[in-house]
Protein backbone atom coordinates (compact mmCIF):
# COMPACT_ATOMS: atom_id res chain seq x y z
CA MET A 1 2.25 18.08 -4.58
CA LYS A 2 3.30 16.48 -7.88
CA ASP A 3 4.93 19.71 -9.10
CA ASN A 4 7.24 19.96 -6.08
CA ASN A 5 8.41 16.36 -6.15
CA SER A 6 10.58 14.56 -8.63
CA GLU A 7 10.83 10.88 -9.35
CA LYS A 8 14.15 9.06 -8.99
CA LYS A 9 15.18 6.11 -11.10
CA PRO A 10 13.65 2.85 -9.91
CA ALA A 11 15.60 0.97 -7.23
CA GLY A 12 14.75 -2.65 -7.95
CA ASN A 13 10.99 -2.87 -8.44
CA ARG A 14 10.26 0.16 -6.24
CA ARG A 15 10.02 3.74 -7.41
CA THR A 16 11.45 6.27 -5.02
CA PHE A 17 10.74 9.99 -4.90
CA TYR A 18 12.34 12.93 -3.27
CA CYS A 19 11.19 16.28 -2.04
CA GLN A 20 13.23 19.42 -2.64
CA ALA A 21 13.18 20.21 1.08
CA VAL A 22 14.86 16.89 1.84
CA SER A 23 17.47 17.48 -0.87
CA LEU A 24 18.58 20.66 0.89
CA LEU A 25 20.72 18.47 3.15
CA ASN A 26 22.85 17.58 0.14
CA ALA A 27 23.40 21.28 -0.62
CA SER A 28 24.42 22.24 2.91
CA ARG A 29 27.13 21.51 5.43
CA PRO A 30 26.96 20.69 9.14
CA VAL A 31 27.02 23.65 11.51
CA HIS A 32 29.41 23.38 14.43
CA VAL A 33 27.66 23.37 17.80
CA CYS A 34 29.43 26.60 18.81
CA ASP A 35 28.60 28.44 15.56
CA VAL A 36 25.54 30.57 16.33
CA ARG A 37 25.54 32.77 13.21
CA HIS A 38 22.58 30.90 11.64
CA TYR A 39 20.47 31.61 14.73
CA PHE A 40 21.03 35.35 14.27
CA TRP A 41 20.00 35.11 10.62
CA GLU A 42 16.78 33.28 11.57
CA MET A 43 16.04 35.69 14.40
CA ASN A 44 16.71 38.72 12.23
CA SER A 45 14.11 37.46 9.74
CA SER A 46 11.41 37.17 12.45
CA LYS A 47 8.87 39.84 13.41
CA GLU A 48 10.13 39.98 17.01
CA SER A 49 12.95 42.11 18.34
CA LEU A 50 16.34 40.49 18.06
CA GLY A 51 16.67 40.24 21.85
CA THR A 52 13.25 38.59 22.33
CA ALA A 53 13.82 36.18 19.45
CA PHE A 54 17.27 35.30 20.81
CA LEU A 55 15.99 34.57 24.32
CA LYS A 56 13.08 32.45 23.00
CA ARG A 57 15.42 30.48 20.73
CA LEU A 58 17.97 29.99 23.51
CA TRP A 59 15.28 28.79 25.93
CA GLY A 60 13.85 26.37 23.35
CA ILE A 61 17.27 24.89 22.57
CA PHE A 62 18.07 24.57 26.27
CA GLN A 63 14.81 22.68 26.94
CA PHE A 64 15.40 20.42 23.92
CA LYS A 65 18.96 19.55 25.00
CA ILE A 66 17.86 18.82 28.59
CA ARG A 67 15.10 16.46 27.36
CA ILE A 68 17.61 14.59 25.21
CA LEU A 69 20.20 14.46 28.00
CA PHE A 70 17.75 12.89 30.45
CA GLY A 71 15.87 10.77 27.89
CA LEU A 72 12.60 12.57 28.51
CA THR A 73 9.72 12.55 26.05
CA GLU A 74 7.27 15.35 25.36
CA TYR A 75 4.26 13.28 26.37
CA PRO A 76 3.52 9.98 28.06
CA LEU A 77 3.20 7.22 25.51
CA ALA A 78 0.25 4.88 25.43
CA ALA A 79 0.31 1.18 26.20
CA ASP A 80 2.17 -1.27 24.00
CA ARG A 81 -0.50 -2.15 21.44
CA LYS A 82 0.19 -4.39 18.49
CA VAL A 83 -2.78 -2.96 16.57
CA THR A 84 -4.12 0.55 17.03
CA PRO A 85 -7.80 1.45 16.62
CA VAL A 86 -9.29 2.98 13.47
CA GLU A 87 -12.08 5.51 13.05
CA LYS A 88 -13.32 6.68 9.65
CA LEU A 89 -15.04 10.05 9.53
CA ASN A 90 -14.69 10.56 5.75
CA LEU A 91 -13.98 14.25 6.36
CA SER A 92 -14.12 16.70 3.46
CA PRO A 93 -12.31 20.00 2.97
CA GLY A 94 -14.19 22.85 4.66
CA GLU A 95 -15.68 20.78 7.50
CA ILE A 96 -15.08 21.94 11.07
CA VAL A 97 -13.52 19.47 13.50
CA GLU A 98 -12.42 19.50 17.10
CA ILE A 99 -9.13 17.87 18.01
CA LYS A 100 -9.70 15.37 20.81
CA SER A 101 -8.12 15.75 24.24
CA LEU A 102 -4.58 14.49 24.74
CA GLN A 103 -5.86 11.64 26.91
CA GLU A 104 -8.32 10.52 24.19
CA ILE A 105 -5.54 10.59 21.60
CA LEU A 106 -3.09 8.71 23.82
CA GLU A 107 -5.63 5.88 24.01
CA THR A 108 -5.23 5.40 20.23
CA LEU A 109 -1.41 5.22 20.16
CA ASP A 110 1.12 2.43 20.38
CA SER A 111 4.28 2.53 22.53
CA GLU A 112 6.04 4.69 19.90
CA GLY A 113 3.28 7.31 19.88
CA ARG A 114 1.84 6.14 16.55
CA ASN A 115 -1.54 5.17 15.17
CA ARG A 116 -1.32 2.93 12.11
CA GLY A 117 2.23 4.17 11.52
CA LEU A 118 1.50 7.90 11.77
CA GLN A 119 3.16 9.57 14.75
CA PHE A 120 1.38 12.00 17.02
CA MET A 121 4.10 14.67 17.25
CA PRO A 122 4.80 16.42 20.57
CA GLU A 123 3.94 19.82 19.07
CA MET A 124 0.46 18.55 18.17
CA MET A 125 -0.47 18.64 21.87
CA ASN A 126 -0.74 22.44 21.62
CA TYR A 127 -3.82 22.05 19.41
CA CYS A 128 -5.75 19.50 21.51
CA GLY A 129 -9.28 20.71 22.23
CA GLY A 130 -9.20 23.35 19.49
CA ARG A 131 -11.57 23.65 16.54
CA TYR A 132 -10.21 23.89 13.02
CA ARG A 133 -11.33 23.62 9.41
CA VAL A 134 -10.24 20.65 7.30
CA PHE A 135 -7.89 21.91 4.59
CA LYS A 136 -7.53 18.71 2.55
CA ARG A 137 -7.41 14.94 2.69
CA VAL A 138 -4.03 13.21 2.53
CA GLU A 139 -3.82 9.95 0.63
CA ARG A 140 -0.10 9.78 -0.22
CA ILE A 141 3.12 11.19 1.20
CA ILE A 142 6.80 10.75 0.49
CA PHE A 143 8.61 9.15 3.42
CA GLU A 144 11.63 11.45 3.63
CA ALA A 145 14.03 8.86 5.05
CA THR A 146 13.66 6.44 2.12
CA GLY A 147 12.02 8.45 -0.68
CA GLU A 148 9.25 5.85 -0.79
CA MET A 149 5.69 6.91 -1.67
CA ILE A 150 3.38 5.80 1.15
CA SER A 151 -0.41 5.49 0.98
CA LEU A 152 -2.39 6.82 3.93
CA LYS A 153 -5.97 6.21 4.99
CA ASP A 154 -8.30 8.36 7.09
CA THR A 155 -5.90 11.31 7.31
CA VAL A 156 -6.33 15.06 6.81
CA ILE A 157 -4.50 18.37 7.06
CA LEU A 158 -6.13 21.17 9.07
CA GLU A 159 -6.03 24.89 8.23
CA ASN A 160 -3.62 27.03 10.26
CA VAL A 161 -2.19 24.09 12.21
CA TYR A 162 1.60 24.02 11.80
CA CYS A 163 4.60 22.49 13.53
CA ASP A 164 6.49 25.12 15.53
CA GLY A 165 9.63 22.97 15.54
CA LYS A 166 10.35 23.30 19.28
CA ALA A 167 10.75 19.55 19.76
CA HIS A 168 12.87 19.36 16.61
CA ASN A 169 15.79 21.58 17.63
CA GLY A 170 13.98 24.75 16.54
CA CYS A 171 13.18 23.58 12.99
CA GLN A 172 11.88 26.52 10.92
CA ARG A 173 10.06 24.57 8.19
CA ASN A 174 6.55 25.13 9.67
CA CYS A 175 5.20 21.93 8.12
CA PHE A 176 1.53 21.01 8.23
CA PHE A 177 0.66 18.24 10.66
CA ILE A 178 -1.09 15.17 9.29
CA TRP A 179 -4.01 14.10 11.50
CA LYS A 180 -5.61 10.67 11.75
CA GLU A 181 -9.39 11.01 11.73
CA ILE A 182 -9.53 9.04 14.99
CA TRP A 183 -7.86 12.05 16.67
CA LEU A 184 -10.69 14.36 15.54
CA LYS A 185 -14.41 14.92 16.20
CA ARG A 186 -16.75 16.24 13.52
CA ILE A 187 -18.57 19.41 14.59
CA VAL A 188 -22.10 19.43 13.22
CA GLY A 189 -24.11 22.60 12.69
CA ASN A 190 -21.39 25.20 12.05
């Protein structure tokens, strides 16, 4: 992670960092809502036929716009908790875990869908109940909005568990999700 990130000059007493992916916004320009050329480029680079990719993309954008228009969320948020629960599993890379059910995870979230500041993203619901291998522990991340380095506790990345971007206007970055250990169950004996 250190090789892909660069440090900015200190702002006051804080050091801020930036990720190259976030800096892409500075090297781009807004796309007009009626300009669909970038969708064709993305679809042409996929493994699906152009027609199939186009219809999937169009359907995903339509659903996203309808949710925004009506103020709908991807999942029901949990009760308004001031403090969310903690569970430490001390997971190590290579261990097998099962992602808890959506209902179990919702019981750990605040009204914004977060546990100790980390949001349970709508796309993460697709993986509930599945078993995956721990890829690595996460102890620090760069908060993209501010460039601030944030320390995390009891968090991991799982192998082959990526964001599909459907709830983020079809984002193509395929980022790893970061999982709180309280959202996972250790599988013993595999």
